[in-house]
Amino acid sequence: MKACLVAFHYPRAAHREEFIDRVHRVAEMFRDSPGCLSAECWVNDDAVVSTVRCESATALDSALSAVTAKAGADIVFDEREERPREIFQLMSP
């Protein structure tokens, strides 16, 4: 069963471009993880959205752990965001 992580980020206007670059760098790290099918950055007027699709929930958990442990992985919520992230984990039926 495939697994997907979708995160809506709300960067402050002054940090939007920097934040988009940040999400692209983290997506690259995810794509290097075994079992990762895709990792992408999407935008609209309000949010920067990151998506990660993996072969399984186990692969997604492993990828998330690996990215979190990597030096330079800037994935922590901080003052550059104007409100908390909305994060959803989805499973294919």
C-alpha atoms as a PDB file:
ATOM      1  CA  MET A   1       0.000   0.000   0.000  1.00  0.00           C
ATOM      2  CA  LYS A   2       1.520   3.329  -1.072  1.00  0.00           C
ATOM      3  CA  ALA A   3       1.891   6.177   1.425  1.00  0.00           C
ATOM      4  CA  CYS A   4       1.927   9.927   0.902  1.00  0.00           C
ATOM      5  CA  LEU A   5       2.819  12.857   3.116  1.00  0.00           C
ATOM      6  CA  VAL A   6       1.330  16.246   2.249  1.00  0.00           C
ATOM      7  CA  ALA A   7       2.442  19.299   4.217  1.00  0.00           C
ATOM      8  CA  PHE A   8       1.017  22.795   3.834  1.00  0.00           C
ATOM      9  CA  HIS A   9       3.530  25.439   4.924  1.00  0.00           C
ATOM     10  CA  TYR A  10       2.676  29.110   5.398  1.00  0.00           C
ATOM     11  CA  PRO A  11       5.886  31.128   5.113  1.00  0.00           C
ATOM     12  CA  ARG A  12       5.953  34.812   5.929  1.00  0.00           C
ATOM     13  CA  ALA A  13       6.074  36.944   2.762  1.00  0.00           C
ATOM     14  CA  ALA A  14       9.652  38.027   3.444  1.00  0.00           C
ATOM     15  CA  HIS A  15      10.751  34.362   3.517  1.00  0.00           C
ATOM     16  CA  ARG A  16       8.604  32.875   0.736  1.00  0.00           C
ATOM     17  CA  GLU A  17      11.313  32.432  -1.937  1.00  0.00           C
ATOM     18  CA  GLU A  18      13.812  31.180   0.626  1.00  0.00           C
ATOM     19  CA  PHE A  19      11.199  28.750   1.888  1.00  0.00           C
ATOM     20  CA  ILE A  20      10.457  27.429  -1.610  1.00  0.00           C
ATOM     21  CA  ASP A  21      14.194  26.778  -2.060  1.00  0.00           C
ATOM     22  CA  ARG A  22      14.231  25.065   1.333  1.00  0.00           C
ATOM     23  CA  VAL A  23      11.381  22.728   0.343  1.00  0.00           C
ATOM     24  CA  HIS A  24      13.135  21.881  -2.958  1.00  0.00           C
ATOM     25  CA  ARG A  25      16.348  20.952  -1.081  1.00  0.00           C
ATOM     26  CA  VAL A  26      14.454  18.725   1.352  1.00  0.00           C
ATOM     27  CA  ALA A  27      12.550  17.109  -1.546  1.00  0.00           C
ATOM     28  CA  GLU A  28      15.906  16.172  -3.103  1.00  0.00           C
ATOM     29  CA  MET A  29      16.883  14.460   0.145  1.00  0.00           C
ATOM     30  CA  PHE A  30      13.608  12.523   0.172  1.00  0.00           C
ATOM     31  CA  ARG A  31      14.102  11.415  -3.444  1.00  0.00           C
ATOM     32  CA  ASP A  32      17.435   9.841  -2.433  1.00  0.00           C
ATOM     33  CA  SER A  33      15.647   7.604   0.105  1.00  0.00           C
ATOM     34  CA  PRO A  34      14.903   3.951  -0.740  1.00  0.00           C
ATOM     35  CA  GLY A  35      11.248   3.451  -1.596  1.00  0.00           C
ATOM     36  CA  CYS A  36      10.565   7.106  -2.376  1.00  0.00           C
ATOM     37  CA  LEU A  37       8.494   7.418  -5.552  1.00  0.00           C
ATOM     38  CA  SER A  38       8.387  11.218  -5.701  1.00  0.00           C
ATOM     39  CA  ALA A  39       8.936  14.356  -3.662  1.00  0.00           C
ATOM     40  CA  GLU A  40       7.737  17.706  -4.953  1.00  0.00           C
ATOM     41  CA  CYS A  41       7.083  21.321  -4.092  1.00  0.00           C
ATOM     42  CA  TRP A  42       3.822  23.038  -5.061  1.00  0.00           C
ATOM     43  CA  VAL A  43       2.706  26.616  -4.450  1.00  0.00           C
ATOM     44  CA  ASN A  44      -0.413  28.735  -4.447  1.00  0.00           C
ATOM     45  CA  ASP A  45      -1.092  32.251  -3.191  1.00  0.00           C
ATOM     46  CA  ASP A  46      -1.270  31.158   0.454  1.00  0.00           C
ATOM     47  CA  ALA A  47       0.919  28.114   0.897  1.00  0.00           C
ATOM     48  CA  VAL A  48       3.977  26.171  -0.115  1.00  0.00           C
ATOM     49  CA  VAL A  49       2.979  22.512  -0.266  1.00  0.00           C
ATOM     50  CA  SER A  50       5.381  19.619  -0.063  1.00  0.00           C
ATOM     51  CA  THR A  51       4.392  16.132  -1.165  1.00  0.00           C
ATOM     52  CA  VAL A  52       6.262  12.874  -0.696  1.00  0.00           C
ATOM     53  CA  ARG A  53       5.015   9.564  -2.147  1.00  0.00           C
ATOM     54  CA  CYS A  54       6.568   6.263  -1.084  1.00  0.00           C
ATOM     55  CA  GLU A  55       6.078   2.573  -1.835  1.00  0.00           C
ATOM     56  CA  SER A  56       4.795   1.924   1.697  1.00  0.00           C
ATOM     57  CA  ALA A  57       4.210   3.478   5.106  1.00  0.00           C
ATOM     58  CA  THR A  58       7.435   1.843   6.269  1.00  0.00           C
ATOM     59  CA  ALA A  59       9.381   3.436   3.406  1.00  0.00           C
ATOM     60  CA  LEU A  60       7.823   6.829   4.211  1.00  0.00           C
ATOM     61  CA  ASP A  61       8.707   6.508   7.901  1.00  0.00           C
ATOM     62  CA  SER A  62      12.275   5.505   7.010  1.00  0.00           C
ATOM     63  CA  ALA A  63      12.632   8.372   4.537  1.00  0.00           C
ATOM     64  CA  LEU A  64      11.324  10.873   7.079  1.00  0.00           C
ATOM     65  CA  SER A  65      13.743   9.572   9.721  1.00  0.00           C
ATOM     66  CA  ALA A  66      16.656   9.702   7.282  1.00  0.00           C
ATOM     67  CA  VAL A  67      15.892  13.252   6.165  1.00  0.00           C
ATOM     68  CA  THR A  68      15.398  14.414   9.738  1.00  0.00           C
ATOM     69  CA  ALA A  69      18.803  12.989  10.698  1.00  0.00           C
ATOM     70  CA  LYS A  70      20.696  14.512   7.741  1.00  0.00           C
ATOM     71  CA  ALA A  71      22.897  17.488   8.415  1.00  0.00           C
ATOM     72  CA  GLY A  72      21.509  20.516   6.657  1.00  0.00           C
ATOM     73  CA  ALA A  73      17.935  19.240   6.541  1.00  0.00           C
ATOM     74  CA  ASP A  74      16.034  22.382   7.465  1.00  0.00           C
ATOM     75  CA  ILE A  75      12.620  20.938   8.328  1.00  0.00           C
ATOM     76  CA  VAL A  76      11.892  22.447  11.725  1.00  0.00           C
ATOM     77  CA  PHE A  77       8.986  24.891  12.130  1.00  0.00           C
ATOM     78  CA  ASP A  78      10.303  28.314  13.082  1.00  0.00           C
ATOM     79  CA  GLU A  79       9.650  32.067  12.938  1.00  0.00           C
ATOM     80  CA  ARG A  80       9.882  32.092   9.115  1.00  0.00           C
ATOM     81  CA  GLU A  81       6.382  30.592   9.057  1.00  0.00           C
ATOM     82  CA  GLU A  82       3.375  32.697  10.000  1.00  0.00           C
ATOM     83  CA  ARG A  83       1.191  29.840  11.218  1.00  0.00           C
ATOM     84  CA  PRO A  84       1.534  26.141  12.031  1.00  0.00           C
ATOM     85  CA  ARG A  85       1.894  23.632   9.237  1.00  0.00           C
ATOM     86  CA  GLU A  86      -0.917  21.325   8.262  1.00  0.00           C
ATOM     87  CA  ILE A  87       0.447  17.825   7.705  1.00  0.00           C
ATOM     88  CA  PHE A  88      -1.514  14.870   6.352  1.00  0.00           C
ATOM     89  CA  GLN A  89      -0.392  11.286   5.897  1.00  0.00           C
ATOM     90  CA  LEU A  90      -2.414   9.405   3.291  1.00  0.00           C
ATOM     91  CA  MET A  91      -2.548   5.752   2.289  1.00  0.00           C
ATOM     92  CA  SER A  92      -3.712   4.376  -1.046  1.00  0.00           C
ATOM     93  CA  PRO A  93      -6.724   2.078  -0.698  1.00  0.00           C
END
